Amino acid sequence: MFESLLQFWGGSFYLLNKIFFSQAERNNDQEKIRFWRINSWIVYLIGLPAWVIIFLSERNWIAASVEGSGALAMIIGLIIAIRGKGKEPKWFDYIARLAIVVGITYSLYDFGGITTVTQLLEIGVTIGFLFGTYQLAKQNPTGYLWFLLMNSSNAILMLVQNYPWLFVQQLISLGFVLDAFRVQKVKSR
């Protein structure tokens, strides 16, 4: 029961994040763009604890540490959405990078190296999440491409670890990520 609640909680709010990013890209009105971006970062933060708990329960140390430190990138995104680009604290980046090193190091220690397919999937989740979140936090649309790696790696990870709702949520998220990227590319022409 608790596992189902975590899947619904984490999956729903992360899916809303992708839907809201897509809505932000579909608008030309700066106030509406700002509204959707602020809300996209808020729902991302709300879904974060569920994902961290799931990753920790599966011994996905790399993904858990990056996801946890990702709160900083999400906060950066929220600050930029509220205040504007260039007004975010610089030290957030260093803490997030340190968390990646800690997560990878602990995973290597716990598993005696890279010994499982799930660790490789976690690395895909990590790279996509880190670069995607940072790029989108700084309003760089290439973050959507990194999210494709994150969502596809995470979909496979969730399927392998028997989280069906999160598997489906990741697949649906891929559609919204592709849509946001496509809309942004059309707008930039």
Protein backbone atom coordinates (compact mmCIF):
# COMPACT_ATOMS: atom_id res chain seq x y z
CA MET A 1 0.00 0.00 0.00
CA PHE A 2 2.75 2.47 1.00
CA GLU A 3 4.67 1.58 -2.18
CA SER A 4 1.59 2.36 -4.30
CA LEU A 5 1.15 5.68 -2.51
CA LEU A 6 4.79 6.58 -3.20
CA GLN A 7 4.40 5.68 -6.88
CA PHE A 8 1.27 7.79 -7.22
CA TRP A 9 2.76 10.71 -5.28
CA GLY A 10 6.13 10.84 -7.01
CA GLY A 11 4.82 9.93 -10.44
CA SER A 12 1.90 12.36 -10.45
CA PHE A 13 3.90 15.38 -9.41
CA TYR A 14 6.79 14.63 -11.75
CA LEU A 15 4.32 14.18 -14.59
CA LEU A 16 2.70 17.52 -13.71
CA ASN A 17 6.17 19.06 -13.90
CA LYS A 18 6.55 17.91 -17.51
CA ILE A 19 3.02 19.03 -18.39
CA PHE A 20 3.66 22.49 -16.88
CA PHE A 21 6.98 22.83 -18.72
CA SER A 22 5.14 21.98 -21.93
CA GLN A 23 2.52 24.65 -21.15
CA ALA A 24 5.24 27.23 -20.48
CA GLU A 25 6.75 26.56 -23.90
CA ARG A 26 3.33 26.86 -25.57
CA ASN A 27 2.83 30.43 -24.32
CA ASN A 28 4.10 33.74 -25.67
CA ASP A 29 2.82 35.85 -22.78
CA GLN A 30 5.70 36.34 -20.31
CA GLU A 31 3.41 36.30 -17.27
CA LYS A 32 1.87 32.98 -18.32
CA ILE A 33 5.32 31.54 -19.05
CA ARG A 34 6.45 32.68 -15.61
CA PHE A 35 3.29 31.18 -14.00
CA TRP A 36 3.83 27.78 -15.64
CA ARG A 37 7.57 27.72 -14.86
CA ILE A 38 7.04 28.60 -11.19
CA ASN A 39 4.39 25.90 -10.87
CA SER A 40 6.51 23.36 -12.73
CA TRP A 41 9.33 23.77 -10.20
CA ILE A 42 6.93 23.67 -7.23
CA VAL A 43 5.31 20.38 -8.27
CA TYR A 44 8.75 18.93 -9.00
CA LEU A 45 9.78 19.71 -5.41
CA ILE A 46 6.56 18.21 -4.03
CA GLY A 47 7.18 14.91 -5.85
CA LEU A 48 10.85 14.72 -4.89
CA PRO A 49 10.57 13.03 -1.45
CA ALA A 50 8.63 10.07 -2.88
CA TRP A 51 11.28 9.45 -5.52
CA VAL A 52 14.11 9.63 -2.98
CA ILE A 53 12.33 7.13 -0.71
CA ILE A 54 11.77 4.73 -3.64
CA PHE A 55 15.37 4.98 -4.78
CA LEU A 56 16.69 4.44 -1.24
CA SER A 57 14.42 1.43 -0.71
CA GLU A 58 15.87 -0.17 -3.85
CA ARG A 59 19.50 0.68 -2.92
CA ASN A 60 19.68 3.00 -5.93
CA TRP A 61 22.31 5.13 -4.19
CA ILE A 62 23.38 7.07 -7.27
CA ALA A 63 19.86 8.06 -8.25
CA ALA A 64 18.85 8.79 -4.63
CA SER A 65 21.79 11.12 -4.00
CA VAL A 66 21.37 12.94 -7.29
CA GLU A 67 17.62 13.18 -6.86
CA GLY A 68 18.10 14.56 -3.33
CA SER A 69 20.70 17.07 -4.43
CA GLY A 70 18.46 17.86 -7.38
CA ALA A 71 16.30 19.77 -4.93
CA LEU A 72 18.94 22.47 -5.21
CA ALA A 73 18.62 22.61 -8.98
CA MET A 74 14.85 22.72 -8.61
CA ILE A 75 15.17 25.57 -6.13
CA ILE A 76 17.49 27.35 -8.58
CA GLY A 77 14.83 26.92 -11.26
CA LEU A 78 12.17 28.27 -8.94
CA ILE A 79 14.34 31.25 -7.94
CA ILE A 80 15.07 32.04 -11.60
CA ALA A 81 11.37 31.71 -12.48
CA ILE A 82 10.48 34.13 -9.67
CA ARG A 83 13.40 36.59 -9.73
CA GLY A 84 14.82 36.22 -13.23
CA LYS A 85 17.93 34.69 -14.75
CA GLY A 86 21.28 35.49 -13.14
CA LYS A 87 19.93 36.03 -9.61
CA GLU A 88 20.43 32.51 -8.27
CA PRO A 89 22.98 31.55 -5.57
CA LYS A 90 26.18 30.23 -7.17
CA TRP A 91 27.04 27.79 -4.34
CA PHE A 92 24.02 25.58 -5.18
CA ASP A 93 25.91 24.14 -8.17
CA TYR A 94 28.83 22.99 -5.99
CA ILE A 95 26.62 21.17 -3.49
CA ALA A 96 24.78 19.34 -6.26
CA ARG A 97 28.07 18.19 -7.83
CA LEU A 98 29.34 17.00 -4.45
CA ALA A 99 26.19 14.91 -3.96
CA ILE A 100 26.82 13.15 -7.27
CA VAL A 101 30.33 12.20 -6.20
CA VAL A 102 29.02 10.94 -2.85
CA GLY A 103 26.26 8.88 -4.49
CA ILE A 104 28.53 7.29 -7.07
CA THR A 105 31.23 6.58 -4.48
CA TYR A 106 28.78 4.95 -2.07
CA SER A 107 27.22 2.90 -4.87
CA LEU A 108 30.65 1.67 -5.96
CA TYR A 109 31.44 0.78 -2.34
CA ASP A 110 28.10 -0.92 -1.66
CA PHE A 111 28.09 -3.00 -4.86
CA GLY A 112 31.88 -3.45 -5.16
CA GLY A 113 32.03 -1.47 -8.41
CA ILE A 114 29.59 -1.16 -11.29
CA THR A 115 28.16 -4.66 -11.10
CA THR A 116 24.46 -4.34 -11.91
CA VAL A 117 22.34 -3.17 -14.81
CA THR A 118 20.41 -0.96 -12.38
CA GLN A 119 23.58 0.99 -11.64
CA LEU A 120 24.03 1.70 -15.36
CA LEU A 121 20.40 2.81 -15.58
CA GLU A 122 20.94 5.02 -12.53
CA ILE A 123 23.88 6.66 -14.29
CA GLY A 124 21.57 7.42 -17.25
CA VAL A 125 18.99 8.84 -14.85
CA THR A 126 21.70 10.84 -13.12
CA ILE A 127 23.26 12.35 -16.21
CA GLY A 128 19.88 13.21 -17.73
CA PHE A 129 18.48 14.60 -14.49
CA LEU A 130 21.52 16.67 -13.58
CA PHE A 131 22.17 18.21 -16.97
CA GLY A 132 18.48 18.50 -17.83
CA THR A 133 17.47 20.15 -14.58
CA TYR A 134 20.39 22.57 -14.65
CA GLN A 135 19.83 23.48 -18.29
CA LEU A 136 16.11 24.06 -17.74
CA ALA A 137 16.74 25.90 -14.46
CA LYS A 138 18.91 28.28 -16.45
CA GLN A 139 16.20 28.42 -19.14
CA ASN A 140 18.26 26.52 -21.72
CA PRO A 141 15.92 24.32 -23.79
CA THR A 142 18.59 21.64 -24.41
CA GLY A 143 17.60 20.45 -20.94
CA TYR A 144 14.65 18.74 -22.61
CA LEU A 145 17.03 16.51 -24.58
CA TRP A 146 18.76 15.48 -21.36
CA PHE A 147 15.33 14.75 -19.85
CA LEU A 148 14.77 12.24 -22.68
CA LEU A 149 17.78 10.27 -21.40
CA MET A 150 16.59 10.61 -17.80
CA ASN A 151 13.00 9.55 -18.47
CA SER A 152 13.90 6.61 -20.73
CA SER A 153 16.57 5.29 -18.30
CA ASN A 154 14.19 5.75 -15.38
CA ALA A 155 11.34 4.02 -17.25
CA ILE A 156 13.49 0.95 -17.75
CA LEU A 157 14.73 1.11 -14.13
CA MET A 158 11.18 1.30 -12.81
CA LEU A 159 10.08 -1.58 -15.04
CA VAL A 160 13.00 -3.76 -13.88
CA GLN A 161 12.30 -2.94 -10.22
CA ASN A 162 8.55 -3.60 -10.56
CA TYR A 163 7.10 -0.09 -10.21
CA PRO A 164 4.43 -0.23 -12.95
CA TRP A 165 2.82 3.16 -12.28
CA LEU A 166 6.20 4.91 -12.39
CA PHE A 167 7.11 3.04 -15.58
CA VAL A 168 3.94 4.33 -17.28
CA GLN A 169 4.42 7.82 -15.82
CA GLN A 170 7.94 7.97 -17.26
CA LEU A 171 6.67 6.95 -20.71
CA ILE A 172 3.94 9.62 -20.61
CA SER A 173 6.52 12.17 -19.42
CA LEU A 174 8.62 11.41 -22.50
CA GLY A 175 5.74 12.63 -24.66
CA PHE A 176 5.47 15.94 -22.81
CA VAL A 177 9.25 16.42 -22.85
CA LEU A 178 9.31 15.87 -26.62
CA ASP A 179 6.37 18.24 -27.02
CA ALA A 180 8.04 20.99 -24.97
CA PHE A 181 11.27 20.64 -26.94
CA ARG A 182 9.42 20.64 -30.30
CA VAL A 183 7.35 23.71 -29.38
CA GLN A 184 10.46 25.55 -28.16
CA LYS A 185 12.31 24.77 -31.40
CA VAL A 186 9.40 26.07 -33.50
CA LYS A 187 9.22 29.26 -31.39
CA SER A 188 12.95 29.91 -31.75
CA ARG A 189 12.82 29.90 -35.57
